[in-house]
Amino acid sequence: MSKLPLSHDAVAEDDFGIPMQPHLETLPWFEVRRGRGLLLACAVLGFVAFFAPWVDMTSPELRLLSGVDLAKRSGWIWGAAVGWFILFPMTLTRRSIDQMRGARVAAAFLSAVPLITVSILWLMPPHARYVPIRFDWGWGLYATWILSLVATIAAVRFGGRIDDIKVARGALAGRGETLH
């Protein structure tokens, strides 16, 4: 018996015999509950939407402008791409409930940056002094706004409530009870 390795419960206990708290346990890499999957999906789709048509210009010339094309002309629009680009690894590396809950403010800020970017474009559309510019907003702009709104709402609730954690092992695990 002395040559056998310690059980999972024994390894999780600290010096005082208290098991690790459930909200500190490391979750699998592909855990999608507690808003993690939704934030990851929004980050990927939002980054793709940044390369989609944002502006369909009809005058003075026919052009489709993506978020990248607009960002090359006006540097502050890169903020939308950076927000999506940073949100993905930040969300992916938060692997415990405690880490997810601790990253709520950062996740909400990063997911709100594209929302603010698109809102500013809507409120202050491109214009020229002597040449009339006619355009329609492209589907990429609408997709970015919707994805950013969904991601911001999900980020505020990232990690879920602390009082509804399902216990995977221990005294309550066999009964499927919720830890309170």
N, C-alpha and C. Protein backbone atom coordinates (compact mmCIF):
# COMPACT_ATOMS: atom_id res chain seq x y z
N MET A 1 0.82 -1.20 0.00
CA MET A 1 0.00 0.00 0.00
C MET A 1 0.86 1.26 0.00
N SER A 2 2.02 1.23 0.64
CA SER A 2 2.84 2.44 0.73
C SER A 2 3.44 2.82 -0.61
N LYS A 3 3.51 1.88 -1.56
CA LYS A 3 4.11 2.17 -2.86
C LYS A 3 3.08 2.72 -3.86
N LEU A 4 1.81 2.68 -3.52
CA LEU A 4 0.77 3.20 -4.40
C LEU A 4 0.77 4.73 -4.37
N PRO A 5 0.47 5.36 -5.51
CA PRO A 5 0.39 6.82 -5.50
C PRO A 5 -0.83 7.29 -4.71
N LEU A 6 -0.80 8.56 -4.30
CA LEU A 6 -1.92 9.13 -3.56
C LEU A 6 -3.14 9.24 -4.47
N SER A 7 -4.31 9.15 -3.89
CA SER A 7 -5.55 9.31 -4.66
C SER A 7 -5.71 10.77 -5.07
N HIS A 8 -6.64 11.01 -5.99
CA HIS A 8 -6.88 12.37 -6.46
C HIS A 8 -7.33 13.27 -5.31
N ASP A 9 -8.17 12.76 -4.44
CA ASP A 9 -8.63 13.55 -3.29
C ASP A 9 -7.49 13.85 -2.33
N ALA A 10 -6.60 12.90 -2.13
CA ALA A 10 -5.47 13.12 -1.23
C ALA A 10 -4.50 14.15 -1.79
N VAL A 11 -4.31 14.14 -3.09
CA VAL A 11 -3.42 15.11 -3.71
C VAL A 11 -4.02 16.51 -3.61
N ALA A 12 -5.34 16.62 -3.72
CA ALA A 12 -6.02 17.91 -3.69
C ALA A 12 -6.04 18.53 -2.30
N GLU A 13 -5.88 17.74 -1.27
CA GLU A 13 -5.92 18.26 0.09
C GLU A 13 -4.62 18.98 0.42
N ASP A 14 -4.76 20.06 1.18
CA ASP A 14 -3.56 20.76 1.61
C ASP A 14 -3.08 20.20 2.94
N ASP A 15 -2.20 20.92 3.62
CA ASP A 15 -1.60 20.45 4.87
C ASP A 15 -2.62 20.25 5.98
N PHE A 16 -3.75 20.92 5.93
CA PHE A 16 -4.73 20.83 7.00
C PHE A 16 -5.83 19.82 6.72
N GLY A 17 -5.75 19.11 5.61
CA GLY A 17 -6.75 18.11 5.28
C GLY A 17 -8.01 18.67 4.65
N ILE A 18 -7.95 19.93 4.22
CA ILE A 18 -9.10 20.56 3.59
C ILE A 18 -8.95 20.41 2.07
N PRO A 19 -9.95 19.85 1.41
CA PRO A 19 -9.83 19.70 -0.05
C PRO A 19 -9.87 21.05 -0.77
N MET A 20 -9.38 21.06 -2.00
CA MET A 20 -9.37 22.28 -2.81
C MET A 20 -10.81 22.75 -3.04
N GLN A 21 -10.99 24.05 -2.98
CA GLN A 21 -12.32 24.61 -3.19
C GLN A 21 -12.71 24.43 -4.66
N PRO A 22 -13.99 24.12 -4.93
CA PRO A 22 -14.41 23.83 -6.30
C PRO A 22 -14.19 24.97 -7.29
N HIS A 23 -14.29 26.21 -6.86
CA HIS A 23 -14.11 27.32 -7.79
C HIS A 23 -12.65 27.56 -8.15
N LEU A 24 -11.73 26.88 -7.48
CA LEU A 24 -10.31 27.00 -7.79
C LEU A 24 -9.79 25.85 -8.64
N GLU A 25 -10.61 24.83 -8.86
CA GLU A 25 -10.18 23.68 -9.66
C GLU A 25 -9.99 24.06 -11.12
N THR A 26 -8.97 23.49 -11.73
CA THR A 26 -8.70 23.74 -13.14
C THR A 26 -9.68 22.97 -14.00
N LEU A 27 -10.30 23.68 -14.93
CA LEU A 27 -11.27 23.09 -15.85
C LEU A 27 -10.55 22.64 -17.12
N PRO A 28 -11.17 21.76 -17.91
CA PRO A 28 -10.56 21.34 -19.17
C PRO A 28 -10.40 22.52 -20.14
N TRP A 29 -9.47 22.39 -21.10
CA TRP A 29 -9.23 23.43 -22.08
C TRP A 29 -10.48 23.74 -22.90
N PHE A 30 -11.28 22.75 -23.18
CA PHE A 30 -12.44 22.93 -24.06
C PHE A 30 -13.74 23.08 -23.28
N GLU A 31 -13.68 23.57 -22.07
CA GLU A 31 -14.86 23.86 -21.26
C GLU A 31 -15.60 25.05 -21.88
N VAL A 32 -16.88 24.87 -22.16
CA VAL A 32 -17.64 25.93 -22.82
C VAL A 32 -18.73 26.53 -21.93
N ARG A 33 -18.90 25.99 -20.74
CA ARG A 33 -19.94 26.52 -19.86
C ARG A 33 -19.48 27.82 -19.22
N ARG A 34 -20.41 28.46 -18.53
CA ARG A 34 -20.17 29.69 -17.78
C ARG A 34 -19.73 30.85 -18.66
N GLY A 35 -20.22 30.88 -19.91
CA GLY A 35 -19.96 31.99 -20.82
C GLY A 35 -18.65 31.89 -21.59
N ARG A 36 -17.85 30.91 -21.28
CA ARG A 36 -16.54 30.79 -21.92
C ARG A 36 -16.67 30.47 -23.41
N GLY A 37 -17.51 29.51 -23.75
CA GLY A 37 -17.69 29.13 -25.15
C GLY A 37 -18.29 30.26 -25.98
N LEU A 38 -19.25 30.98 -25.40
CA LEU A 38 -19.88 32.09 -26.11
C LEU A 38 -18.87 33.21 -26.38
N LEU A 39 -18.04 33.52 -25.40
CA LEU A 39 -17.03 34.56 -25.60
C LEU A 39 -16.00 34.14 -26.64
N LEU A 40 -15.59 32.88 -26.61
CA LEU A 40 -14.63 32.40 -27.61
C LEU A 40 -15.23 32.46 -29.02
N ALA A 41 -16.48 32.04 -29.16
CA ALA A 41 -17.14 32.06 -30.47
C ALA A 41 -17.30 33.50 -30.96
N CYS A 42 -17.70 34.41 -30.08
CA CYS A 42 -17.86 35.81 -30.47
C CYS A 42 -16.52 36.42 -30.88
N ALA A 43 -15.45 36.07 -30.17
CA ALA A 43 -14.13 36.61 -30.51
C ALA A 43 -13.68 36.15 -31.90
N VAL A 44 -13.88 34.88 -32.20
CA VAL A 44 -13.48 34.36 -33.52
C VAL A 44 -14.35 34.97 -34.62
N LEU A 45 -15.66 34.95 -34.43
CA LEU A 45 -16.57 35.50 -35.45
C LEU A 45 -16.39 37.01 -35.61
N GLY A 46 -16.14 37.70 -34.50
CA GLY A 46 -15.91 39.14 -34.57
C GLY A 46 -14.64 39.49 -35.32
N PHE A 47 -13.60 38.69 -35.13
CA PHE A 47 -12.35 38.92 -35.86
C PHE A 47 -12.55 38.68 -37.35
N VAL A 48 -13.34 37.65 -37.68
CA VAL A 48 -13.67 37.39 -39.10
C VAL A 48 -14.50 38.53 -39.67
N ALA A 49 -15.45 39.03 -38.89
CA ALA A 49 -16.31 40.13 -39.37
C ALA A 49 -15.53 41.42 -39.59
N PHE A 50 -14.38 41.56 -38.96
CA PHE A 50 -13.54 42.74 -39.17
C PHE A 50 -13.01 42.78 -40.60
N PHE A 51 -12.87 41.61 -41.22
CA PHE A 51 -12.38 41.53 -42.60
C PHE A 51 -13.52 41.51 -43.62
N ALA A 52 -14.75 41.54 -43.15
CA ALA A 52 -15.93 41.53 -44.03
C ALA A 52 -16.25 42.97 -44.45
N PRO A 53 -17.13 43.14 -45.45
CA PRO A 53 -17.49 44.50 -45.90
C PRO A 53 -18.20 45.30 -44.80
N TRP A 54 -17.65 46.47 -44.50
CA TRP A 54 -18.26 47.38 -43.54
C TRP A 54 -18.98 48.51 -44.25
N VAL A 55 -18.45 48.93 -45.39
CA VAL A 55 -19.02 50.06 -46.12
C VAL A 55 -19.11 49.67 -47.60
N ASP A 56 -20.29 49.89 -48.18
CA ASP A 56 -20.52 49.66 -49.61
C ASP A 56 -20.68 51.04 -50.25
N MET A 57 -19.57 51.56 -50.77
CA MET A 57 -19.56 52.92 -51.30
C MET A 57 -20.01 52.91 -52.77
N THR A 58 -20.91 53.84 -53.11
CA THR A 58 -21.40 53.95 -54.49
C THR A 58 -20.97 55.24 -55.17
N SER A 59 -20.55 56.23 -54.41
CA SER A 59 -20.09 57.48 -55.00
C SER A 59 -19.01 58.05 -54.09
N PRO A 60 -17.94 58.55 -54.57
CA PRO A 60 -17.55 58.89 -55.92
C PRO A 60 -17.05 57.69 -56.74
N GLU A 61 -16.85 56.55 -56.13
CA GLU A 61 -16.47 55.36 -56.87
C GLU A 61 -17.12 54.14 -56.22
N LEU A 62 -17.19 53.05 -56.95
CA LEU A 62 -17.75 51.82 -56.41
C LEU A 62 -16.66 51.07 -55.66
N ARG A 63 -16.86 50.88 -54.36
CA ARG A 63 -15.87 50.18 -53.54
C ARG A 63 -16.56 49.50 -52.37
N LEU A 64 -16.02 48.36 -51.99
CA LEU A 64 -16.39 47.71 -50.74
C LEU A 64 -15.22 47.90 -49.79
N LEU A 65 -15.49 48.45 -48.63
CA LEU A 65 -14.44 48.69 -47.64
C LEU A 65 -14.67 47.81 -46.43
N SER A 66 -13.67 47.06 -46.06
CA SER A 66 -13.76 46.23 -44.86
C SER A 66 -13.29 47.05 -43.66
N GLY A 67 -13.35 46.43 -42.49
CA GLY A 67 -12.83 47.09 -41.31
C GLY A 67 -11.35 47.38 -41.43
N VAL A 68 -10.62 46.48 -42.10
CA VAL A 68 -9.18 46.68 -42.32
C VAL A 68 -8.95 47.90 -43.21
N ASP A 69 -9.73 48.02 -44.28
CA ASP A 69 -9.57 49.17 -45.18
C ASP A 69 -9.86 50.49 -44.46
N LEU A 70 -10.89 50.49 -43.64
CA LEU A 70 -11.21 51.70 -42.87
C LEU A 70 -10.13 51.99 -41.83
N ALA A 71 -9.59 50.94 -41.23
CA ALA A 71 -8.55 51.12 -40.21
C ALA A 71 -7.26 51.68 -40.82
N LYS A 72 -6.98 51.32 -42.07
CA LYS A 72 -5.79 51.86 -42.74
C LYS A 72 -5.92 53.37 -42.94
N ARG A 73 -7.15 53.84 -43.11
CA ARG A 73 -7.40 55.27 -43.31
C ARG A 73 -7.51 56.01 -41.98
N SER A 74 -8.08 55.35 -41.00
CA SER A 74 -8.29 55.97 -39.69
C SER A 74 -7.83 54.99 -38.62
N GLY A 75 -6.70 55.24 -38.02
CA GLY A 75 -6.03 54.28 -37.14
C GLY A 75 -6.82 53.81 -35.93
N TRP A 76 -7.72 54.61 -35.42
CA TRP A 76 -8.44 54.23 -34.21
C TRP A 76 -9.36 53.03 -34.43
N ILE A 77 -9.69 52.71 -35.67
CA ILE A 77 -10.58 51.58 -35.95
C ILE A 77 -9.87 50.25 -35.70
N TRP A 78 -8.52 50.26 -35.66
CA TRP A 78 -7.79 49.03 -35.32
C TRP A 78 -8.17 48.53 -33.93
N GLY A 79 -8.70 49.39 -33.10
CA GLY A 79 -9.10 48.99 -31.75
C GLY A 79 -10.09 47.83 -31.75
N ALA A 80 -10.97 47.79 -32.74
CA ALA A 80 -11.94 46.70 -32.84
C ALA A 80 -11.24 45.37 -33.06
N ALA A 81 -10.29 45.34 -33.98
CA ALA A 81 -9.55 44.10 -34.25
C ALA A 81 -8.72 43.69 -33.05
N VAL A 82 -8.10 44.66 -32.40
CA VAL A 82 -7.27 44.35 -31.22
C VAL A 82 -8.14 43.81 -30.09
N GLY A 83 -9.32 44.38 -29.92
CA GLY A 83 -10.24 43.87 -28.89
C GLY A 83 -10.59 42.40 -29.10
N TRP A 84 -10.96 42.04 -30.34
CA TRP A 84 -11.27 40.64 -30.64
C TRP A 84 -10.03 39.77 -30.49
N PHE A 85 -8.89 40.27 -30.97
CA PHE A 85 -7.65 39.49 -30.99
C PHE A 85 -7.18 39.17 -29.57
N ILE A 86 -7.33 40.08 -28.64
CA ILE A 86 -6.90 39.87 -27.25
C ILE A 86 -7.95 39.10 -26.46
N LEU A 87 -9.23 39.27 -26.77
CA LEU A 87 -10.29 38.59 -26.04
C LEU A 87 -10.17 37.07 -26.17
N PHE A 88 -9.80 36.58 -27.34
CA PHE A 88 -9.73 35.13 -27.56
C PHE A 88 -8.71 34.45 -26.64
N PRO A 89 -7.43 34.81 -26.64
CA PRO A 89 -6.50 34.11 -25.73
C PRO A 89 -6.77 34.39 -24.26
N MET A 90 -7.27 35.60 -23.96
CA MET A 90 -7.57 35.89 -22.55
C MET A 90 -8.67 34.97 -22.03
N THR A 91 -9.68 34.73 -22.85
CA THR A 91 -10.78 33.85 -22.45
C THR A 91 -10.32 32.40 -22.42
N LEU A 92 -9.53 32.01 -23.40
CA LEU A 92 -9.06 30.63 -23.50
C LEU A 92 -8.18 30.23 -22.31
N THR A 93 -7.39 31.14 -21.80
CA THR A 93 -6.46 30.80 -20.72
C THR A 93 -7.09 30.87 -19.33
N ARG A 94 -8.29 31.34 -19.20
CA ARG A 94 -8.98 31.36 -17.90
C ARG A 94 -9.62 30.00 -17.71
N ARG A 95 -9.00 29.14 -16.86
CA ARG A 95 -9.42 27.76 -16.77
C ARG A 95 -10.02 27.38 -15.42
N SER A 96 -10.25 28.32 -14.56
CA SER A 96 -10.98 28.03 -13.33
C SER A 96 -12.09 29.07 -13.19
N ILE A 97 -13.07 28.73 -12.40
CA ILE A 97 -14.19 29.66 -12.20
C ILE A 97 -13.70 30.95 -11.56
N ASP A 98 -12.76 30.83 -10.65
CA ASP A 98 -12.20 32.01 -10.00
C ASP A 98 -11.48 32.92 -11.00
N GLN A 99 -10.72 32.33 -11.91
CA GLN A 99 -10.03 33.11 -12.93
C GLN A 99 -11.02 33.77 -13.89
N MET A 100 -12.07 33.04 -14.26
CA MET A 100 -13.08 33.61 -15.16
C MET A 100 -13.77 34.80 -14.51
N ARG A 101 -14.16 34.64 -13.26
CA ARG A 101 -14.84 35.72 -12.56
C ARG A 101 -13.92 36.92 -12.38
N GLY A 102 -12.64 36.67 -12.19
CA GLY A 102 -11.67 37.75 -12.03
C GLY A 102 -11.39 38.52 -13.31
N ALA A 103 -11.69 37.90 -14.45
CA ALA A 103 -11.42 38.54 -15.74
C ALA A 103 -12.65 39.21 -16.34
N ARG A 104 -13.71 39.33 -15.57
CA ARG A 104 -14.95 39.90 -16.10
C ARG A 104 -14.78 41.32 -16.62
N VAL A 105 -14.12 42.16 -15.85
CA VAL A 105 -13.98 43.56 -16.23
C VAL A 105 -13.15 43.68 -17.51
N ALA A 106 -12.04 42.95 -17.57
CA ALA A 106 -11.19 43.00 -18.77
C ALA A 106 -11.93 42.45 -19.98
N ALA A 107 -12.65 41.36 -19.81
CA ALA A 107 -13.40 40.76 -20.92
C ALA A 107 -14.50 41.71 -21.39
N ALA A 108 -15.18 42.36 -20.46
CA ALA A 108 -16.23 43.30 -20.84
C ALA A 108 -15.64 44.50 -21.57
N PHE A 109 -14.51 44.98 -21.12
CA PHE A 109 -13.85 46.10 -21.80
C PHE A 109 -13.44 45.72 -23.21
N LEU A 110 -12.77 44.57 -23.36
CA LEU A 110 -12.31 44.14 -24.68
C LEU A 110 -13.45 43.88 -25.64
N SER A 111 -14.55 43.33 -25.15
CA SER A 111 -15.68 43.05 -26.04
C SER A 111 -16.50 44.29 -26.33
N ALA A 112 -16.37 45.33 -25.52
CA ALA A 112 -17.10 46.58 -25.77
C ALA A 112 -16.36 47.50 -26.73
N VAL A 113 -15.07 47.30 -26.93
CA VAL A 113 -14.31 48.17 -27.84
C VAL A 113 -14.87 48.14 -29.26
N PRO A 114 -15.15 46.95 -29.87
CA PRO A 114 -15.76 46.97 -31.20
C PRO A 114 -17.15 47.61 -31.22
N LEU A 115 -17.90 47.44 -30.15
CA LEU A 115 -19.23 48.05 -30.05
C LEU A 115 -19.12 49.57 -30.09
N ILE A 116 -18.18 50.11 -29.36
CA ILE A 116 -17.97 51.56 -29.34
C ILE A 116 -17.44 52.05 -30.68
N THR A 117 -16.54 51.27 -31.29
CA THR A 117 -15.99 51.64 -32.60
C THR A 117 -17.09 51.76 -33.65
N VAL A 118 -17.95 50.76 -33.72
CA VAL A 118 -19.03 50.78 -34.71
C VAL A 118 -20.02 51.90 -34.39
N SER A 119 -20.31 52.10 -33.12
CA SER A 119 -21.24 53.17 -32.74
C SER A 119 -20.71 54.54 -33.14
N ILE A 120 -19.42 54.77 -32.98
CA ILE A 120 -18.82 56.04 -33.40
C ILE A 120 -18.93 56.21 -34.91
N LEU A 121 -18.69 55.12 -35.65
CA LEU A 121 -18.82 55.20 -37.11
C LEU A 121 -20.26 55.55 -37.51
N TRP A 122 -21.23 54.98 -36.82
CA TRP A 122 -22.64 55.29 -37.13
C TRP A 122 -22.97 56.74 -36.80
N LEU A 123 -22.45 57.22 -35.68
CA LEU A 123 -22.76 58.58 -35.26
C LEU A 123 -22.03 59.64 -36.07
N MET A 124 -20.83 59.31 -36.55
CA MET A 124 -20.04 60.24 -37.35
C MET A 124 -19.60 59.57 -38.64
N PRO A 125 -20.51 59.42 -39.60
CA PRO A 125 -20.17 58.73 -40.85
C PRO A 125 -19.14 59.51 -41.66
N PRO A 126 -18.43 58.81 -42.55
CA PRO A 126 -17.44 59.49 -43.38
C PRO A 126 -18.09 60.55 -44.27
N HIS A 127 -17.39 61.63 -44.47
CA HIS A 127 -17.88 62.70 -45.32
C HIS A 127 -16.70 63.43 -45.95
N ALA A 128 -16.99 64.15 -47.02
CA ALA A 128 -15.98 64.97 -47.69
C ALA A 128 -16.57 66.36 -47.90
N ARG A 129 -15.70 67.33 -48.02
CA ARG A 129 -16.16 68.71 -48.09
C ARG A 129 -16.81 69.03 -49.43
N TYR A 130 -16.19 68.65 -50.53
CA TYR A 130 -16.69 69.06 -51.84
C TYR A 130 -17.19 67.91 -52.72
N VAL A 131 -16.93 66.71 -52.32
CA VAL A 131 -17.33 65.54 -53.11
C VAL A 131 -18.40 64.77 -52.35
N PRO A 132 -19.56 64.57 -52.97
CA PRO A 132 -20.59 63.81 -52.24
C PRO A 132 -20.20 62.33 -52.13
N ILE A 133 -20.36 61.81 -50.95
CA ILE A 133 -20.07 60.40 -50.70
C ILE A 133 -21.39 59.70 -50.41
N ARG A 134 -21.66 58.67 -51.19
CA ARG A 134 -22.87 57.87 -50.97
C ARG A 134 -22.43 56.46 -50.64
N PHE A 135 -23.02 55.91 -49.61
CA PHE A 135 -22.64 54.56 -49.19
C PHE A 135 -23.76 53.93 -48.37
N ASP A 136 -23.67 52.64 -48.24
CA ASP A 136 -24.53 51.87 -47.33
C ASP A 136 -23.61 51.10 -46.40
N TRP A 137 -24.09 50.87 -45.20
CA TRP A 137 -23.31 50.07 -44.26
C TRP A 137 -23.36 48.61 -44.69
N GLY A 138 -22.23 47.92 -44.61
CA GLY A 138 -22.13 46.52 -45.00
C GLY A 138 -22.50 45.58 -43.86
N TRP A 139 -22.68 44.32 -44.22
CA TRP A 139 -23.11 43.33 -43.23
C TRP A 139 -22.04 43.09 -42.16
N GLY A 140 -20.78 43.32 -42.48
CA GLY A 140 -19.71 43.13 -41.50
C GLY A 140 -19.81 44.09 -40.33
N LEU A 141 -20.25 45.31 -40.62
CA LEU A 141 -20.42 46.30 -39.56
C LEU A 141 -21.55 45.90 -38.62
N TYR A 142 -22.68 45.46 -39.20
CA TYR A 142 -23.80 45.01 -38.38
C TYR A 142 -23.43 43.77 -37.56
N ALA A 143 -22.72 42.83 -38.20
CA ALA A 143 -22.30 41.61 -37.50
C ALA A 143 -21.36 41.96 -36.35
N THR A 144 -20.46 42.89 -36.57
CA THR A 144 -19.53 43.30 -35.51
C THR A 144 -20.29 43.90 -34.34
N TRP A 145 -21.26 44.74 -34.63
CA TRP A 145 -22.02 45.39 -33.56
C TRP A 145 -22.80 44.36 -32.75
N ILE A 146 -23.48 43.43 -33.43
CA ILE A 146 -24.28 42.42 -32.74
C ILE A 146 -23.39 41.48 -31.93
N LEU A 147 -22.29 41.01 -32.54
CA LEU A 147 -21.38 40.12 -31.82
C LEU A 147 -20.76 40.81 -30.61
N SER A 148 -20.43 42.07 -30.76
CA SER A 148 -19.85 42.81 -29.64
C SER A 148 -20.85 43.01 -28.52
N LEU A 149 -22.10 43.28 -28.87
CA LEU A 149 -23.14 43.43 -27.84
C LEU A 149 -23.34 42.11 -27.09
N VAL A 150 -23.43 41.01 -27.82
CA VAL A 150 -23.60 39.69 -27.19
C VAL A 150 -22.38 39.36 -26.32
N ALA A 151 -21.18 39.64 -26.83
CA ALA A 151 -19.96 39.34 -26.07
C ALA A 151 -19.87 40.20 -24.81
N THR A 152 -20.29 41.44 -24.89
CA THR A 152 -20.23 42.31 -23.70
C THR A 152 -21.19 41.82 -22.63
N ILE A 153 -22.38 41.41 -23.03
CA ILE A 153 -23.34 40.87 -22.05
C ILE A 153 -22.81 39.57 -21.45
N ALA A 154 -22.22 38.71 -22.29
CA ALA A 154 -21.66 37.45 -21.79
C ALA A 154 -20.46 37.71 -20.88
N ALA A 155 -19.66 38.73 -21.19
CA ALA A 155 -18.47 39.02 -20.39
C ALA A 155 -18.83 39.51 -19.00
N VAL A 156 -19.94 40.23 -18.88
CA VAL A 156 -20.36 40.71 -17.57
C VAL A 156 -20.73 39.53 -16.67
N ARG A 157 -21.18 38.44 -17.27
CA ARG A 157 -21.56 37.25 -16.49
C ARG A 157 -20.51 36.13 -16.60
N PHE A 158 -19.33 36.43 -17.13
CA PHE A 158 -18.27 35.45 -17.35
C PHE A 158 -17.91 34.74 -16.05
N GLY A 159 -17.96 33.44 -16.05
CA GLY A 159 -17.67 32.64 -14.86
C GLY A 159 -18.90 32.26 -14.07
N GLY A 160 -20.01 32.91 -14.30
CA GLY A 160 -21.26 32.56 -13.63
C GLY A 160 -21.28 32.95 -12.16
N ARG A 161 -22.33 32.50 -11.49
CA ARG A 161 -22.47 32.77 -10.06
C ARG A 161 -21.60 31.80 -9.27
N ILE A 162 -21.16 32.21 -8.14
CA ILE A 162 -20.28 31.38 -7.31
C ILE A 162 -21.08 30.37 -6.49
N ASP A 163 -22.38 30.60 -6.31
CA ASP A 163 -23.16 29.72 -5.44
C ASP A 163 -23.85 28.58 -6.18
N ASP A 164 -23.58 28.39 -7.45
CA ASP A 164 -24.22 27.29 -8.17
C ASP A 164 -23.20 26.34 -8.82
N ILE A 165 -22.10 26.11 -8.14
CA ILE A 165 -21.04 25.25 -8.66
C ILE A 165 -21.41 23.79 -8.42
N LYS A 166 -21.35 22.99 -9.48
CA LYS A 166 -21.57 21.56 -9.36
C LYS A 166 -20.27 20.91 -8.90
N VAL A 167 -20.36 20.08 -7.88
CA VAL A 167 -19.18 19.43 -7.31
C VAL A 167 -18.90 18.16 -8.09
N ALA A 168 -17.65 18.01 -8.55
CA ALA A 168 -17.26 16.84 -9.36
C ALA A 168 -16.86 15.65 -8.49
N ARG A 169 -16.38 15.92 -7.29
CA ARG A 169 -15.96 14.82 -6.42
C ARG A 169 -16.17 15.23 -4.97
N GLY A 170 -16.00 14.30 -4.08
CA GLY A 170 -16.17 14.58 -2.66
C GLY A 170 -17.49 14.04 -2.13
N ALA A 171 -17.92 14.53 -0.96
CA ALA A 171 -19.09 14.01 -0.29
C ALA A 171 -20.39 14.27 -1.05
N LEU A 172 -20.49 15.39 -1.74
CA LEU A 172 -21.72 15.73 -2.43
C LEU A 172 -21.75 15.28 -3.88
N ALA A 173 -20.63 14.78 -4.41
CA ALA A 173 -20.53 14.46 -5.83
C ALA A 173 -21.48 13.36 -6.25
N GLY A 174 -21.60 12.31 -5.47
CA GLY A 174 -22.45 11.18 -5.86
C GLY A 174 -23.91 11.53 -5.90
N ARG A 175 -24.30 12.54 -5.17
CA ARG A 175 -25.72 12.93 -5.12
C ARG A 175 -26.07 14.00 -6.13
N GLY A 176 -25.06 14.55 -6.83
CA GLY A 176 -25.33 15.58 -7.84
C GLY A 176 -25.87 16.86 -7.25
N GLU A 177 -25.53 17.15 -6.01
CA GLU A 177 -26.07 18.34 -5.35
C GLU A 177 -25.25 19.57 -5.71
N THR A 178 -25.89 20.71 -5.57
CA THR A 178 -25.24 21.97 -5.82
C THR A 178 -24.57 22.44 -4.54
N LEU A 179 -23.36 22.98 -4.68
CA LEU A 179 -22.64 23.49 -3.53
C LEU A 179 -23.15 24.89 -3.20
N HIS A 180 -23.49 25.11 -1.93
CA HIS A 180 -23.98 26.42 -1.50
C HIS A 180 -23.07 27.00 -0.47
